[in-house]
């Protein structure tokens, strides 16, 4: 079973160096904006999607569009909507989003929070055009409608959800919403961690991918 990794906004492949699970490919956020993961998934016999942050949003979108192609999901600090709204959704304010954008520029690839101590730096500096494209995606995307519409099909996809209790970018309340969409999912709240979970809990993500890949239904879904 192929494993496709959907990276976070402004993150480099280095973010996944500590994770040892086999993967076919890591898609940058630019490739996600250009639709490359969906093209590969559509041509495949099915895949496990591992999505972090913006990549988690991309994984949710693909699961809603092609649930028959998604064998399982590992959602890492993922959210259907990044921004806070008038309806009470727990998300970033425009002010925080602007600070995040400015932080990525000023730290020249060091990341808004800086690289986690003793771990690889998961961030990279990108050109202004691509950073702006990513910002607009984060600002505009709201997948709650399509997730609700496809709730029945999505509920049959095995999933594992990781969320930090101290995430300043994707609040922990977002994970509770995803657990409602994927009622059989395993939800793991990580104490004391920030947003860069692939470099702080790589062994847990490894275990999740391998556990999902070993499920008996993986062979039957791949042959569907």
C-alpha atoms as a PDB file:
ATOM      1  CA  UNK A   1       0.000   0.000   0.000  1.00  0.00           C
ATOM      2  CA  UNK A   2       1.508   3.344  -1.056  1.00  0.00           C
ATOM      3  CA  UNK A   3       1.899   6.081   1.550  1.00  0.00           C
ATOM      4  CA  UNK A   4       1.690   9.681   0.311  1.00  0.00           C
ATOM      5  CA  UNK A   5       2.894  12.454   2.630  1.00  0.00           C
ATOM      6  CA  UNK A   6       1.358  15.915   2.277  1.00  0.00           C
ATOM      7  CA  UNK A   7       3.706  18.458   3.829  1.00  0.00           C
ATOM      8  CA  UNK A   8       2.866  21.637   5.702  1.00  0.00           C
ATOM      9  CA  UNK A   9       3.019  25.196   4.398  1.00  0.00           C
ATOM     10  CA  UNK A  10       6.590  26.494   4.019  1.00  0.00           C
ATOM     11  CA  UNK A  11       7.940  23.161   5.315  1.00  0.00           C
ATOM     12  CA  UNK A  12      10.821  21.226   3.775  1.00  0.00           C
ATOM     13  CA  UNK A  13      11.144  17.473   3.322  1.00  0.00           C
ATOM     14  CA  UNK A  14      13.549  17.631   6.263  1.00  0.00           C
ATOM     15  CA  UNK A  15      10.483  17.777   8.492  1.00  0.00           C
ATOM     16  CA  UNK A  16      10.042  14.035   7.884  1.00  0.00           C
ATOM     17  CA  UNK A  17      13.642  12.900   8.367  1.00  0.00           C
ATOM     18  CA  UNK A  18      12.988  11.432  11.808  1.00  0.00           C
ATOM     19  CA  UNK A  19       9.932   9.489  10.624  1.00  0.00           C
ATOM     20  CA  UNK A  20      10.975   6.071   9.343  1.00  0.00           C
ATOM     21  CA  UNK A  21       7.748   4.737   7.851  1.00  0.00           C
ATOM     22  CA  UNK A  22       8.057   3.843   4.147  1.00  0.00           C
ATOM     23  CA  UNK A  23       6.557   6.474   1.889  1.00  0.00           C
ATOM     24  CA  UNK A  24       6.209   6.813  -1.852  1.00  0.00           C
ATOM     25  CA  UNK A  25       6.556  10.569  -1.978  1.00  0.00           C
ATOM     26  CA  UNK A  26       6.433  13.772   0.062  1.00  0.00           C
ATOM     27  CA  UNK A  27       4.401  16.497  -1.629  1.00  0.00           C
ATOM     28  CA  UNK A  28       5.344  20.113  -0.982  1.00  0.00           C
ATOM     29  CA  UNK A  29       2.629  22.652  -0.325  1.00  0.00           C
ATOM     30  CA  UNK A  30       3.330  24.085  -3.786  1.00  0.00           C
ATOM     31  CA  UNK A  31       2.620  20.708  -5.390  1.00  0.00           C
ATOM     32  CA  UNK A  32      -0.571  20.519  -3.335  1.00  0.00           C
ATOM     33  CA  UNK A  33      -1.678  23.919  -4.594  1.00  0.00           C
ATOM     34  CA  UNK A  34      -0.987  22.710  -8.135  1.00  0.00           C
ATOM     35  CA  UNK A  35      -3.088  19.543  -7.624  1.00  0.00           C
ATOM     36  CA  UNK A  36      -0.304  16.953  -7.981  1.00  0.00           C
ATOM     37  CA  UNK A  37      -1.347  14.654  -5.072  1.00  0.00           C
ATOM     38  CA  UNK A  38      -4.896  14.374  -6.419  1.00  0.00           C
ATOM     39  CA  UNK A  39      -3.624  13.443  -9.869  1.00  0.00           C
ATOM     40  CA  UNK A  40      -1.469  10.652  -8.452  1.00  0.00           C
ATOM     41  CA  UNK A  41      -4.175   9.407  -6.096  1.00  0.00           C
ATOM     42  CA  UNK A  42      -6.721   9.250  -8.914  1.00  0.00           C
ATOM     43  CA  UNK A  43      -4.417   6.993 -10.937  1.00  0.00           C
ATOM     44  CA  UNK A  44      -3.528   4.740  -8.010  1.00  0.00           C
ATOM     45  CA  UNK A  45      -5.150   1.627  -6.549  1.00  0.00           C
ATOM     46  CA  UNK A  46      -5.487   3.504  -3.276  1.00  0.00           C
ATOM     47  CA  UNK A  47      -3.111   5.008  -0.742  1.00  0.00           C
ATOM     48  CA  UNK A  48      -2.632   5.974   2.876  1.00  0.00           C
ATOM     49  CA  UNK A  49      -2.460   9.754   3.200  1.00  0.00           C
ATOM     50  CA  UNK A  50      -0.329  11.358   5.909  1.00  0.00           C
ATOM     51  CA  UNK A  51      -1.049  15.077   6.155  1.00  0.00           C
ATOM     52  CA  UNK A  52       0.514  17.674   8.432  1.00  0.00           C
ATOM     53  CA  UNK A  53      -0.980  21.151   8.949  1.00  0.00           C
ATOM     54  CA  UNK A  54      -1.856  22.515   5.489  1.00  0.00           C
ATOM     55  CA  UNK A  55      -1.103  19.013   4.205  1.00  0.00           C
ATOM     56  CA  UNK A  56      -3.734  17.706   6.608  1.00  0.00           C
ATOM     57  CA  UNK A  57      -6.231  20.039   4.981  1.00  0.00           C
ATOM     58  CA  UNK A  58      -5.176  18.689   1.575  1.00  0.00           C
ATOM     59  CA  UNK A  59      -5.606  15.123   2.830  1.00  0.00           C
ATOM     60  CA  UNK A  60      -9.111  15.923   4.074  1.00  0.00           C
ATOM     61  CA  UNK A  61     -10.016  17.442   0.723  1.00  0.00           C
ATOM     62  CA  UNK A  62      -8.779  14.384  -1.182  1.00  0.00           C
ATOM     63  CA  UNK A  63     -10.621  12.043   1.179  1.00  0.00           C
ATOM     64  CA  UNK A  64     -13.857  13.936   0.542  1.00  0.00           C
ATOM     65  CA  UNK A  65     -13.302  13.967  -3.238  1.00  0.00           C
ATOM     66  CA  UNK A  66     -12.104  10.354  -3.582  1.00  0.00           C
ATOM     67  CA  UNK A  67     -13.044   8.376  -0.460  1.00  0.00           C
ATOM     68  CA  UNK A  68     -12.798   5.111  -2.388  1.00  0.00           C
ATOM     69  CA  UNK A  69      -9.112   5.843  -3.083  1.00  0.00           C
ATOM     70  CA  UNK A  70      -8.093   6.715   0.477  1.00  0.00           C
ATOM     71  CA  UNK A  71      -7.229   3.557   2.370  1.00  0.00           C
ATOM     72  CA  UNK A  72      -6.459   5.368   5.630  1.00  0.00           C
ATOM     73  CA  UNK A  73      -5.589   8.794   7.011  1.00  0.00           C
ATOM     74  CA  UNK A  74      -2.971  10.006   9.464  1.00  0.00           C
ATOM     75  CA  UNK A  75      -3.902  13.599  10.307  1.00  0.00           C
ATOM     76  CA  UNK A  76      -1.174  15.575  12.091  1.00  0.00           C
ATOM     77  CA  UNK A  77      -2.170  19.002  13.437  1.00  0.00           C
ATOM     78  CA  UNK A  78      -4.795  19.038  10.696  1.00  0.00           C
ATOM     79  CA  UNK A  79      -7.854  21.229  10.339  1.00  0.00           C
ATOM     80  CA  UNK A  80     -10.657  21.774   7.830  1.00  0.00           C
ATOM     81  CA  UNK A  81     -10.446  25.532   8.453  1.00  0.00           C
ATOM     82  CA  UNK A  82      -7.399  27.453   9.596  1.00  0.00           C
ATOM     83  CA  UNK A  83      -9.029  30.786  10.386  1.00  0.00           C
ATOM     84  CA  UNK A  84     -11.271  31.871  13.236  1.00  0.00           C
ATOM     85  CA  UNK A  85     -14.768  32.885  12.129  1.00  0.00           C
ATOM     86  CA  UNK A  86     -17.858  34.623  13.457  1.00  0.00           C
ATOM     87  CA  UNK A  87     -19.538  31.297  14.134  1.00  0.00           C
ATOM     88  CA  UNK A  88     -17.138  30.526  16.966  1.00  0.00           C
ATOM     89  CA  UNK A  89     -14.718  28.278  15.089  1.00  0.00           C
ATOM     90  CA  UNK A  90     -11.414  27.969  16.980  1.00  0.00           C
ATOM     91  CA  UNK A  91      -8.741  29.173  14.585  1.00  0.00           C
ATOM     92  CA  UNK A  92      -6.189  31.852  13.872  1.00  0.00           C
ATOM     93  CA  UNK A  93      -7.058  35.519  13.695  1.00  0.00           C
ATOM     94  CA  UNK A  94      -5.915  37.607  10.746  1.00  0.00           C
ATOM     95  CA  UNK A  95      -3.432  39.247  13.098  1.00  0.00           C
ATOM     96  CA  UNK A  96      -1.879  35.897  14.038  1.00  0.00           C
ATOM     97  CA  UNK A  97      -1.772  34.815  10.401  1.00  0.00           C
ATOM     98  CA  UNK A  98       0.066  38.025   9.511  1.00  0.00           C
ATOM     99  CA  UNK A  99       2.512  37.408  12.365  1.00  0.00           C
ATOM    100  CA  UNK A 100       3.102  33.872  11.131  1.00  0.00           C
ATOM    101  CA  UNK A 101       3.832  35.156   7.633  1.00  0.00           C
ATOM    102  CA  UNK A 102       6.165  37.849   8.954  1.00  0.00           C
ATOM    103  CA  UNK A 103       7.907  35.357  11.222  1.00  0.00           C
ATOM    104  CA  UNK A 104       8.692  33.033   8.339  1.00  0.00           C
ATOM    105  CA  UNK A 105      10.221  35.921   6.422  1.00  0.00           C
ATOM    106  CA  UNK A 106      12.235  37.345   9.293  1.00  0.00           C
ATOM    107  CA  UNK A 107      13.643  34.027  10.485  1.00  0.00           C
ATOM    108  CA  UNK A 108      14.865  33.111   6.986  1.00  0.00           C
ATOM    109  CA  UNK A 109      13.731  29.526   7.186  1.00  0.00           C
ATOM    110  CA  UNK A 110      14.012  29.155  10.945  1.00  0.00           C
ATOM    111  CA  UNK A 111      10.256  28.906  11.365  1.00  0.00           C
ATOM    112  CA  UNK A 112       7.848  30.998  13.411  1.00  0.00           C
ATOM    113  CA  UNK A 113       8.751  29.108  16.588  1.00  0.00           C
ATOM    114  CA  UNK A 114      12.296  28.253  15.520  1.00  0.00           C
ATOM    115  CA  UNK A 115      13.434  24.666  14.913  1.00  0.00           C
ATOM    116  CA  UNK A 116      12.616  22.344  17.832  1.00  0.00           C
ATOM    117  CA  UNK A 117      15.678  21.911  20.039  1.00  0.00           C
ATOM    118  CA  UNK A 118      17.834  18.973  18.996  1.00  0.00           C
ATOM    119  CA  UNK A 119      15.611  18.190  15.984  1.00  0.00           C
ATOM    120  CA  UNK A 120      15.853  18.945  12.264  1.00  0.00           C
ATOM    121  CA  UNK A 121      14.549  22.305  11.103  1.00  0.00           C
ATOM    122  CA  UNK A 122      11.213  21.546   9.379  1.00  0.00           C
ATOM    123  CA  UNK A 123      10.915  24.951   7.704  1.00  0.00           C
ATOM    124  CA  UNK A 124      12.305  26.535   4.576  1.00  0.00           C
ATOM    125  CA  UNK A 125      12.226  30.012   3.104  1.00  0.00           C
ATOM    126  CA  UNK A 126      10.266  30.220  -0.125  1.00  0.00           C
ATOM    127  CA  UNK A 127       9.821  32.886  -2.731  1.00  0.00           C
ATOM    128  CA  UNK A 128       7.255  35.572  -1.992  1.00  0.00           C
ATOM    129  CA  UNK A 129       4.855  34.289  -4.645  1.00  0.00           C
ATOM    130  CA  UNK A 130       4.591  30.819  -3.162  1.00  0.00           C
ATOM    131  CA  UNK A 131       4.382  32.055   0.416  1.00  0.00           C
ATOM    132  CA  UNK A 132       1.520  34.311  -0.672  1.00  0.00           C
ATOM    133  CA  UNK A 133      -0.258  31.457  -2.451  1.00  0.00           C
ATOM    134  CA  UNK A 134      -0.020  29.415   0.716  1.00  0.00           C
ATOM    135  CA  UNK A 135      -1.320  32.292   2.831  1.00  0.00           C
ATOM    136  CA  UNK A 136      -4.337  32.693   0.568  1.00  0.00           C
ATOM    137  CA  UNK A 137      -5.083  28.964   0.795  1.00  0.00           C
ATOM    138  CA  UNK A 138      -4.901  29.100   4.588  1.00  0.00           C
ATOM    139  CA  UNK A 139      -7.114  32.168   4.680  1.00  0.00           C
ATOM    140  CA  UNK A 140      -9.798  30.979   2.243  1.00  0.00           C
ATOM    141  CA  UNK A 141     -10.119  27.231   2.738  1.00  0.00           C
ATOM    142  CA  UNK A 142     -13.096  25.878   4.656  1.00  0.00           C
ATOM    143  CA  UNK A 143     -13.785  22.175   4.162  1.00  0.00           C
ATOM    144  CA  UNK A 144     -16.468  21.755   6.798  1.00  0.00           C
ATOM    145  CA  UNK A 145     -19.318  21.796   4.258  1.00  0.00           C
ATOM    146  CA  UNK A 146     -17.882  19.075   2.048  1.00  0.00           C
ATOM    147  CA  UNK A 147     -16.838  16.982   5.051  1.00  0.00           C
ATOM    148  CA  UNK A 148     -20.369  17.108   6.421  1.00  0.00           C
ATOM    149  CA  UNK A 149     -21.768  16.256   2.995  1.00  0.00           C
ATOM    150  CA  UNK A 150     -19.484  13.207   2.702  1.00  0.00           C
ATOM    151  CA  UNK A 151     -19.691  12.218   6.369  1.00  0.00           C
ATOM    152  CA  UNK A 152     -21.036   8.714   5.717  1.00  0.00           C
ATOM    153  CA  UNK A 153     -18.312   7.771   3.245  1.00  0.00           C
ATOM    154  CA  UNK A 154     -15.602   9.395   5.357  1.00  0.00           C
ATOM    155  CA  UNK A 155     -16.701   7.576   8.500  1.00  0.00           C
ATOM    156  CA  UNK A 156     -15.596   4.306   6.895  1.00  0.00           C
ATOM    157  CA  UNK A 157     -11.990   5.453   6.384  1.00  0.00           C
ATOM    158  CA  UNK A 158      -9.612   4.277   9.137  1.00  0.00           C
ATOM    159  CA  UNK A 159      -7.909   7.313  10.662  1.00  0.00           C
ATOM    160  CA  UNK A 160      -5.436   8.359  13.332  1.00  0.00           C
ATOM    161  CA  UNK A 161      -5.482  11.960  14.544  1.00  0.00           C
ATOM    162  CA  UNK A 162      -2.567  13.668  16.302  1.00  0.00           C
ATOM    163  CA  UNK A 163      -3.005  17.077  17.897  1.00  0.00           C
ATOM    164  CA  UNK A 164      -0.864  19.132  20.242  1.00  0.00           C
ATOM    165  CA  UNK A 165      -2.509  20.566  23.333  1.00  0.00           C
ATOM    166  CA  UNK A 166      -0.378  23.731  22.961  1.00  0.00           C
ATOM    167  CA  UNK A 167      -0.637  24.316  19.221  1.00  0.00           C
ATOM    168  CA  UNK A 168      -0.876  28.055  18.552  1.00  0.00           C
ATOM    169  CA  UNK A 169      -1.636  27.526  14.846  1.00  0.00           C
ATOM    170  CA  UNK A 170      -4.239  24.740  14.914  1.00  0.00           C
ATOM    171  CA  UNK A 171      -6.120  24.787  18.239  1.00  0.00           C
ATOM    172  CA  UNK A 172      -6.773  21.458  19.931  1.00  0.00           C
ATOM    173  CA  UNK A 173     -10.541  21.932  19.507  1.00  0.00           C
ATOM    174  CA  UNK A 174     -10.089  21.222  15.793  1.00  0.00           C
ATOM    175  CA  UNK A 175      -9.197  17.623  16.597  1.00  0.00           C
ATOM    176  CA  UNK A 176     -12.519  17.139  18.375  1.00  0.00           C
ATOM    177  CA  UNK A 177     -14.316  18.224  15.214  1.00  0.00           C
ATOM    178  CA  UNK A 178     -12.332  15.738  13.127  1.00  0.00           C
ATOM    179  CA  UNK A 179     -13.135  12.974  15.615  1.00  0.00           C
ATOM    180  CA  UNK A 180     -16.796  13.681  14.906  1.00  0.00           C
ATOM    181  CA  UNK A 181     -16.213  13.212  11.173  1.00  0.00           C
ATOM    182  CA  UNK A 182     -14.138  10.054  11.733  1.00  0.00           C
ATOM    183  CA  UNK A 183     -15.883   8.511  14.760  1.00  0.00           C
ATOM    184  CA  UNK A 184     -13.757   5.347  14.762  1.00  0.00           C
ATOM    185  CA  UNK A 185     -10.486   7.267  14.537  1.00  0.00           C
ATOM    186  CA  UNK A 186      -7.855   7.053  17.221  1.00  0.00           C
ATOM    187  CA  UNK A 187      -7.303  10.532  18.666  1.00  0.00           C
ATOM    188  CA  UNK A 188      -4.046  11.317  20.427  1.00  0.00           C
ATOM    189  CA  UNK A 189      -3.547  14.670  22.148  1.00  0.00           C
ATOM    190  CA  UNK A 190       0.174  15.296  22.611  1.00  0.00           C
ATOM    191  CA  UNK A 191       1.020  17.123  25.847  1.00  0.00           C
ATOM    192  CA  UNK A 192       3.564  19.912  25.858  1.00  0.00           C
ATOM    193  CA  UNK A 193       4.159  19.965  22.094  1.00  0.00           C
ATOM    194  CA  UNK A 194       3.813  22.732  19.536  1.00  0.00           C
ATOM    195  CA  UNK A 195       2.870  22.558  15.858  1.00  0.00           C
ATOM    196  CA  UNK A 196       5.870  20.685  14.389  1.00  0.00           C
ATOM    197  CA  UNK A 197       4.753  17.210  15.451  1.00  0.00           C
ATOM    198  CA  UNK A 198       6.608  15.284  12.697  1.00  0.00           C
ATOM    199  CA  UNK A 199       9.889  16.268  14.367  1.00  0.00           C
ATOM    200  CA  UNK A 200       8.719  15.952  17.985  1.00  0.00           C
ATOM    201  CA  UNK A 201       6.748  12.686  17.901  1.00  0.00           C
ATOM    202  CA  UNK A 202       8.141  10.821  14.854  1.00  0.00           C
ATOM    203  CA  UNK A 203       7.952   7.436  16.566  1.00  0.00           C
ATOM    204  CA  UNK A 204       4.238   7.880  17.255  1.00  0.00           C
ATOM    205  CA  UNK A 205       3.546   8.813  13.636  1.00  0.00           C
ATOM    206  CA  UNK A 206       5.592   5.798  12.498  1.00  0.00           C
ATOM    207  CA  UNK A 207       3.506   3.538  14.719  1.00  0.00           C
ATOM    208  CA  UNK A 208       0.259   5.003  13.403  1.00  0.00           C
ATOM    209  CA  UNK A 209       1.177   4.519   9.738  1.00  0.00           C
ATOM    210  CA  UNK A 210       2.366   0.970  10.303  1.00  0.00           C
ATOM    211  CA  UNK A 211      -0.688   0.098  12.373  1.00  0.00           C
ATOM    212  CA  UNK A 212      -3.077   1.373   9.709  1.00  0.00           C
ATOM    213  CA  UNK A 213      -1.115  -0.317   6.919  1.00  0.00           C
ATOM    214  CA  UNK A 214      -1.438  -3.623   8.765  1.00  0.00           C
ATOM    215  CA  UNK A 215      -5.235  -3.510   9.047  1.00  0.00           C
ATOM    216  CA  UNK A 216      -6.910  -6.542   7.378  1.00  0.00           C
ATOM    217  CA  UNK A 217      -9.091  -4.329   5.165  1.00  0.00           C
ATOM    218  CA  UNK A 218      -6.086  -2.661   3.524  1.00  0.00           C
ATOM    219  CA  UNK A 219      -5.759  -5.418   0.906  1.00  0.00           C
ATOM    220  CA  UNK A 220      -9.437  -5.371   0.068  1.00  0.00           C
ATOM    221  CA  UNK A 221      -9.514  -1.566  -0.242  1.00  0.00           C
ATOM    222  CA  UNK A 222      -6.437  -1.601  -2.455  1.00  0.00           C
ATOM    223  CA  UNK A 223      -8.131  -4.059  -4.797  1.00  0.00           C
ATOM    224  CA  UNK A 224     -11.476  -2.254  -4.894  1.00  0.00           C
END
